[in-house]
Amino acid sequence: DVRLVQSGGGSVQAGGSLRLSCTASGLTFDDFAMSWYRQAAGTECELVSTDRVDGTTYYADSVKGRFTVSQDNAKNTLYLQMNTLKPEDTAMYYCAAEGKYISWWARLLPTAYKSWGQGTQVTVSS
């Protein structure tokens, strides 16, 4: 079974940086689409980033230019580097994985993912 274990997160002031980690077992990144989602208090789950079918990374407009996804295949770990954080970035952040059989459009929807990390809180103060 696929397991995703997250680490990182915390509280920072606006303009600061954090790096989130998502360590996977039961999968290899080459066989799965990997995504990051976030959910702020009282809001719906929002896409942060996802794999395109060509292997490049799609970023939501709200984070593009500030957030960067990377991975360490040897460690089976996915990272989300978050720079120039804003108060509106405050949310619970989740990594998610699903087999690459899903379509590009499905990758944009949280309901398409069966495997999720436990989530980690990011709080950005002004």
Protein backbone atom coordinates (compact mmCIF):
# COMPACT_ATOMS: atom_id res chain seq x y z
CA ASP A 1 0.00 0.00 0.00
CA VAL A 2 1.05 3.54 -0.68
CA ARG A 3 2.02 5.64 2.31
CA LEU A 4 2.94 9.30 2.31
CA VAL A 5 4.58 10.81 5.38
CA GLN A 6 5.00 14.56 5.55
CA SER A 7 7.35 16.73 7.55
CA GLY A 8 8.22 20.40 7.71
CA GLY A 9 5.82 23.25 8.09
CA GLY A 10 5.56 25.65 10.96
CA SER A 11 5.05 29.34 11.58
CA VAL A 12 6.89 32.11 9.79
CA GLN A 13 6.50 35.78 9.14
CA ALA A 14 5.49 37.10 5.76
CA GLY A 15 8.41 36.96 3.36
CA GLY A 16 9.91 33.92 5.00
CA SER A 17 10.50 30.44 3.63
CA LEU A 18 9.67 26.88 4.51
CA ARG A 19 10.33 23.51 2.92
CA LEU A 20 7.88 20.66 3.16
CA SER A 21 8.83 17.03 2.64
CA CYS A 22 6.72 14.10 1.53
CA THR A 23 8.37 10.70 1.84
CA ALA A 24 6.65 7.91 -0.02
CA SER A 25 6.66 4.17 0.41
CA GLY A 26 4.93 1.62 -1.76
CA LEU A 27 5.44 3.66 -4.91
CA THR A 28 8.05 5.13 -7.19
CA PHE A 29 7.64 8.62 -8.53
CA ASP A 30 8.06 7.43 -12.11
CA ASP A 31 4.82 5.48 -11.81
CA PHE A 32 2.72 8.06 -10.00
CA ALA A 33 1.45 11.55 -10.46
CA MET A 34 2.41 13.63 -7.43
CA SER A 35 0.61 16.75 -6.29
CA TRP A 36 0.50 19.26 -3.48
CA TYR A 37 -2.79 20.61 -2.16
CA ARG A 38 -3.66 22.98 0.63
CA GLN A 39 -6.75 23.76 2.62
CA ALA A 40 -7.15 26.95 4.59
CA ALA A 41 -9.55 27.08 7.50
CA GLY A 42 -13.11 27.24 6.28
CA THR A 43 -12.20 26.80 2.62
CA GLU A 44 -12.12 24.01 0.10
CA CYS A 45 -9.05 22.05 -0.86
CA GLU A 46 -6.93 24.01 -3.35
CA LEU A 47 -4.41 22.72 -5.85
CA VAL A 48 -0.87 24.01 -5.32
CA SER A 49 1.06 21.95 -7.86
CA THR A 50 0.83 18.77 -9.86
CA ASP A 51 2.77 16.74 -12.40
CA ARG A 52 2.02 17.27 -16.04
CA VAL A 53 2.03 14.21 -18.25
CA ASP A 54 5.33 15.35 -19.76
CA GLY A 55 6.97 15.35 -16.34
CA THR A 56 7.04 19.10 -15.82
CA THR A 57 5.32 20.75 -12.88
CA TYR A 58 2.19 22.84 -13.01
CA TYR A 59 1.80 25.55 -10.36
CA ALA A 60 -1.27 27.43 -9.33
CA ASP A 61 -1.17 31.10 -10.25
CA SER A 62 -1.26 32.02 -6.58
CA VAL A 63 2.10 30.33 -5.91
CA LYS A 64 3.85 30.43 -9.27
CA GLY A 65 7.28 32.01 -9.00
CA ARG A 66 7.38 31.51 -5.23
CA PHE A 67 6.97 27.75 -4.75
CA THR A 68 9.16 25.07 -6.29
CA VAL A 69 8.69 21.31 -6.36
CA SER A 70 11.68 18.98 -6.39
CA GLN A 71 12.29 15.33 -5.65
CA ASP A 72 14.98 12.97 -4.48
CA ASN A 73 14.32 9.70 -6.24
CA ALA A 74 16.84 7.76 -4.16
CA LYS A 75 15.01 8.77 -1.00
CA ASN A 76 11.57 8.64 -2.60
CA THR A 77 10.94 12.09 -1.19
CA LEU A 78 9.08 15.00 -2.70
CA TYR A 79 9.77 18.56 -1.58
CA LEU A 80 7.85 21.78 -1.72
CA GLN A 81 10.09 24.81 -1.29
CA MET A 82 7.98 27.81 -0.35
CA ASN A 83 9.57 31.24 -0.60
CA THR A 84 8.26 34.76 -0.09
CA LEU A 85 5.41 33.39 1.95
CA LYS A 86 2.26 35.45 2.34
CA PRO A 87 -0.46 35.33 5.00
CA GLU A 88 -2.83 33.93 2.39
CA ASP A 89 -0.55 30.89 2.13
CA THR A 90 -1.65 29.89 5.62
CA ALA A 91 -3.20 26.44 5.30
CA MET A 92 -2.85 22.77 5.95
CA TYR A 93 -0.65 21.37 3.20
CA TYR A 94 -0.99 17.86 1.81
CA CYS A 95 0.93 15.78 -0.68
CA ALA A 96 -1.05 13.35 -2.77
CA ALA A 97 -0.29 10.51 -5.16
CA GLU A 98 -2.18 8.60 -7.78
CA GLY A 99 -1.19 6.20 -10.55
CA LYS A 100 -0.33 7.79 -13.85
CA TYR A 101 -3.34 6.16 -15.45
CA ILE A 102 -5.34 9.23 -14.40
CA SER A 103 -5.82 11.94 -16.95
CA TRP A 104 -4.31 15.39 -16.85
CA TRP A 105 -7.67 16.86 -15.97
CA ALA A 106 -8.16 14.43 -13.11
CA ARG A 107 -4.82 15.47 -11.62
CA LEU A 108 -6.29 18.89 -11.01
CA LEU A 109 -9.00 17.50 -8.72
CA PRO A 110 -8.38 16.35 -5.15
CA THR A 111 -11.09 13.71 -5.44
CA ALA A 112 -8.97 11.85 -8.00
CA TYR A 113 -6.27 10.99 -5.46
CA LYS A 114 -6.46 7.94 -3.24
CA SER A 115 -3.22 8.42 -1.32
CA TRP A 116 -2.61 11.42 0.91
CA GLY A 117 -0.05 12.54 3.42
CA GLN A 118 -1.19 13.36 6.93
CA GLY A 119 -0.88 17.08 6.30
CA THR A 120 1.30 19.73 7.86
CA GLN A 121 0.27 23.19 9.01
CA VAL A 122 1.85 26.30 7.53
CA THR A 123 1.06 29.57 9.26
CA VAL A 124 2.27 32.88 7.87
CA SER A 125 1.86 36.00 9.96
CA SER A 126 1.88 39.54 8.63
